[in-house]
């Protein structure tokens, strides 16, 4: 009984006879989910800021760019999707997060 509670997926409550019973722990509230997903969004914007700055610096210095023009376009599209996401009808569902470009993880 204590092992089930120690996983954090259940908790105790009083049963009809006053004895403790195990029940499923409540999930996060909608506000907690929104907070968490906004934090994720903000983190991804911060993590990608240096990529944008580097690309712009390379262009201004008339140097070869680390990102291709297509990658930069995808990056900016992803960043805009992150900004727009809280207004989406599916926010804050994790499975509906904006999808990052497949190459992004290796650049971070």
C-alpha atoms as a PDB file:
ATOM      1  CA  UNK A   1       0.000   0.000   0.000  1.00  0.00           C
ATOM      2  CA  UNK A   2       2.773   2.452   0.874  1.00  0.00           C
ATOM      3  CA  UNK A   3       4.680   1.532  -2.291  1.00  0.00           C
ATOM      4  CA  UNK A   4       1.734   2.616  -4.450  1.00  0.00           C
ATOM      5  CA  UNK A   5       1.618   5.998  -2.732  1.00  0.00           C
ATOM      6  CA  UNK A   6       5.385   6.508  -2.893  1.00  0.00           C
ATOM      7  CA  UNK A   7       5.319   6.557  -6.717  1.00  0.00           C
ATOM      8  CA  UNK A   8       3.309   9.783  -6.634  1.00  0.00           C
ATOM      9  CA  UNK A   9       0.542   8.335  -8.796  1.00  0.00           C
ATOM     10  CA  UNK A  10      -1.833   7.770  -5.910  1.00  0.00           C
ATOM     11  CA  UNK A  11      -2.678   9.123  -2.489  1.00  0.00           C
ATOM     12  CA  UNK A  12      -4.656   8.262   0.634  1.00  0.00           C
ATOM     13  CA  UNK A  13      -8.157   9.413   1.412  1.00  0.00           C
ATOM     14  CA  UNK A  14     -10.727   8.407   3.989  1.00  0.00           C
ATOM     15  CA  UNK A  15     -13.004   5.555   2.986  1.00  0.00           C
ATOM     16  CA  UNK A  16     -16.684   5.194   3.931  1.00  0.00           C
ATOM     17  CA  UNK A  17     -15.701   3.329   7.072  1.00  0.00           C
ATOM     18  CA  UNK A  18     -13.081   5.935   7.999  1.00  0.00           C
ATOM     19  CA  UNK A  19     -10.162   3.701   7.084  1.00  0.00           C
ATOM     20  CA  UNK A  20      -7.591   4.965   4.589  1.00  0.00           C
ATOM     21  CA  UNK A  21      -7.970   3.937   0.969  1.00  0.00           C
ATOM     22  CA  UNK A  22      -5.710   4.550  -1.995  1.00  0.00           C
ATOM     23  CA  UNK A  23      -7.059   6.737  -4.803  1.00  0.00           C
ATOM     24  CA  UNK A  24      -5.474   8.025  -7.979  1.00  0.00           C
ATOM     25  CA  UNK A  25      -3.640  11.288  -7.389  1.00  0.00           C
ATOM     26  CA  UNK A  26      -5.189  14.252  -9.151  1.00  0.00           C
ATOM     27  CA  UNK A  27      -3.346  15.449 -12.226  1.00  0.00           C
ATOM     28  CA  UNK A  28      -2.102  18.980 -12.719  1.00  0.00           C
ATOM     29  CA  UNK A  29      -4.682  21.737 -12.957  1.00  0.00           C
ATOM     30  CA  UNK A  30      -5.259  23.577 -16.220  1.00  0.00           C
ATOM     31  CA  UNK A  31      -3.406  26.585 -14.831  1.00  0.00           C
ATOM     32  CA  UNK A  32      -0.432  24.391 -13.881  1.00  0.00           C
ATOM     33  CA  UNK A  33      -0.364  22.915 -17.387  1.00  0.00           C
ATOM     34  CA  UNK A  34      -0.499  26.385 -18.935  1.00  0.00           C
ATOM     35  CA  UNK A  35       2.326  27.587 -16.711  1.00  0.00           C
ATOM     36  CA  UNK A  36       4.454  24.566 -17.571  1.00  0.00           C
ATOM     37  CA  UNK A  37       3.892  24.872 -21.309  1.00  0.00           C
ATOM     38  CA  UNK A  38       4.567  28.619 -21.308  1.00  0.00           C
ATOM     39  CA  UNK A  39       7.817  27.876 -19.472  1.00  0.00           C
ATOM     40  CA  UNK A  40       8.700  25.316 -22.159  1.00  0.00           C
ATOM     41  CA  UNK A  41       7.868  27.838 -24.883  1.00  0.00           C
ATOM     42  CA  UNK A  42       9.942  30.559 -23.241  1.00  0.00           C
ATOM     43  CA  UNK A  43      12.860  28.153 -22.802  1.00  0.00           C
ATOM     44  CA  UNK A  44      12.799  27.175 -26.484  1.00  0.00           C
ATOM     45  CA  UNK A  45      12.715  30.825 -27.556  1.00  0.00           C
ATOM     46  CA  UNK A  46      15.704  31.570 -25.316  1.00  0.00           C
ATOM     47  CA  UNK A  47      17.607  28.533 -26.577  1.00  0.00           C
ATOM     48  CA  UNK A  48      17.098  29.559 -30.197  1.00  0.00           C
ATOM     49  CA  UNK A  49      17.892  33.271 -29.724  1.00  0.00           C
ATOM     50  CA  UNK A  50      21.641  32.685 -30.251  1.00  0.00           C
ATOM     51  CA  UNK A  51      20.973  30.885 -33.549  1.00  0.00           C
ATOM     52  CA  UNK A  52      19.019  33.867 -34.843  1.00  0.00           C
ATOM     53  CA  UNK A  53      21.642  36.349 -33.637  1.00  0.00           C
ATOM     54  CA  UNK A  54      24.505  34.330 -35.137  1.00  0.00           C
ATOM     55  CA  UNK A  55      22.743  34.044 -38.497  1.00  0.00           C
ATOM     56  CA  UNK A  56      22.056  37.787 -38.625  1.00  0.00           C
ATOM     57  CA  UNK A  57      25.631  38.584 -37.567  1.00  0.00           C
ATOM     58  CA  UNK A  58      27.029  36.304 -40.261  1.00  0.00           C
ATOM     59  CA  UNK A  59      24.847  37.957 -42.903  1.00  0.00           C
ATOM     60  CA  UNK A  60      25.802  41.469 -41.775  1.00  0.00           C
ATOM     61  CA  UNK A  61      29.488  40.527 -41.813  1.00  0.00           C
ATOM     62  CA  UNK A  62      29.041  39.139 -45.335  1.00  0.00           C
ATOM     63  CA  UNK A  63      30.283  35.750 -44.161  1.00  0.00           C
ATOM     64  CA  UNK A  64      29.031  32.255 -44.923  1.00  0.00           C
ATOM     65  CA  UNK A  65      26.109  31.379 -42.677  1.00  0.00           C
ATOM     66  CA  UNK A  66      26.007  28.383 -40.384  1.00  0.00           C
ATOM     67  CA  UNK A  67      22.331  27.862 -41.187  1.00  0.00           C
ATOM     68  CA  UNK A  68      21.049  27.620 -44.725  1.00  0.00           C
ATOM     69  CA  UNK A  69      18.423  30.127 -45.825  1.00  0.00           C
ATOM     70  CA  UNK A  70      15.839  27.329 -45.630  1.00  0.00           C
ATOM     71  CA  UNK A  71      16.899  26.353 -42.101  1.00  0.00           C
ATOM     72  CA  UNK A  72      16.690  29.976 -40.976  1.00  0.00           C
ATOM     73  CA  UNK A  73      13.208  30.257 -42.472  1.00  0.00           C
ATOM     74  CA  UNK A  74      12.155  27.050 -40.666  1.00  0.00           C
ATOM     75  CA  UNK A  75      13.664  28.326 -37.415  1.00  0.00           C
ATOM     76  CA  UNK A  76      11.798  31.615 -37.601  1.00  0.00           C
ATOM     77  CA  UNK A  77       8.586  29.769 -38.483  1.00  0.00           C
ATOM     78  CA  UNK A  78       9.029  27.516 -35.454  1.00  0.00           C
ATOM     79  CA  UNK A  79       9.681  30.504 -33.201  1.00  0.00           C
ATOM     80  CA  UNK A  80       6.537  32.223 -34.472  1.00  0.00           C
ATOM     81  CA  UNK A  81       4.526  29.041 -33.917  1.00  0.00           C
ATOM     82  CA  UNK A  82       5.827  28.986 -30.324  1.00  0.00           C
ATOM     83  CA  UNK A  83       4.703  32.593 -29.819  1.00  0.00           C
ATOM     84  CA  UNK A  84       1.256  31.867 -31.284  1.00  0.00           C
ATOM     85  CA  UNK A  85       0.778  28.567 -29.471  1.00  0.00           C
ATOM     86  CA  UNK A  86      -0.854  29.919 -26.270  1.00  0.00           C
ATOM     87  CA  UNK A  87      -3.680  31.280 -28.440  1.00  0.00           C
ATOM     88  CA  UNK A  88      -4.277  27.873 -30.040  1.00  0.00           C
ATOM     89  CA  UNK A  89      -7.434  25.962 -29.172  1.00  0.00           C
ATOM     90  CA  UNK A  90      -5.226  23.000 -28.214  1.00  0.00           C
ATOM     91  CA  UNK A  91      -3.000  24.889 -25.749  1.00  0.00           C
ATOM     92  CA  UNK A  92      -1.630  23.605 -23.329  1.00  0.00           C
ATOM     93  CA  UNK A  93      -1.779  19.992 -24.565  1.00  0.00           C
ATOM     94  CA  UNK A  94       1.787  18.707 -24.941  1.00  0.00           C
ATOM     95  CA  UNK A  95       0.899  16.584 -27.954  1.00  0.00           C
ATOM     96  CA  UNK A  96      -0.020  19.778 -29.820  1.00  0.00           C
ATOM     97  CA  UNK A  97       3.221  21.677 -29.156  1.00  0.00           C
ATOM     98  CA  UNK A  98       4.703  23.268 -32.259  1.00  0.00           C
ATOM     99  CA  UNK A  99       7.034  20.801 -33.929  1.00  0.00           C
ATOM    100  CA  UNK A 100      10.658  21.855 -34.066  1.00  0.00           C
ATOM    101  CA  UNK A 101      12.641  21.455 -37.282  1.00  0.00           C
ATOM    102  CA  UNK A 102      14.327  18.032 -37.348  1.00  0.00           C
ATOM    103  CA  UNK A 103      17.830  19.545 -37.522  1.00  0.00           C
ATOM    104  CA  UNK A 104      17.370  21.918 -34.572  1.00  0.00           C
ATOM    105  CA  UNK A 105      18.494  19.579 -31.767  1.00  0.00           C
ATOM    106  CA  UNK A 106      21.982  19.236 -33.240  1.00  0.00           C
ATOM    107  CA  UNK A 107      22.340  23.037 -33.400  1.00  0.00           C
ATOM    108  CA  UNK A 108      21.437  23.634 -29.759  1.00  0.00           C
END
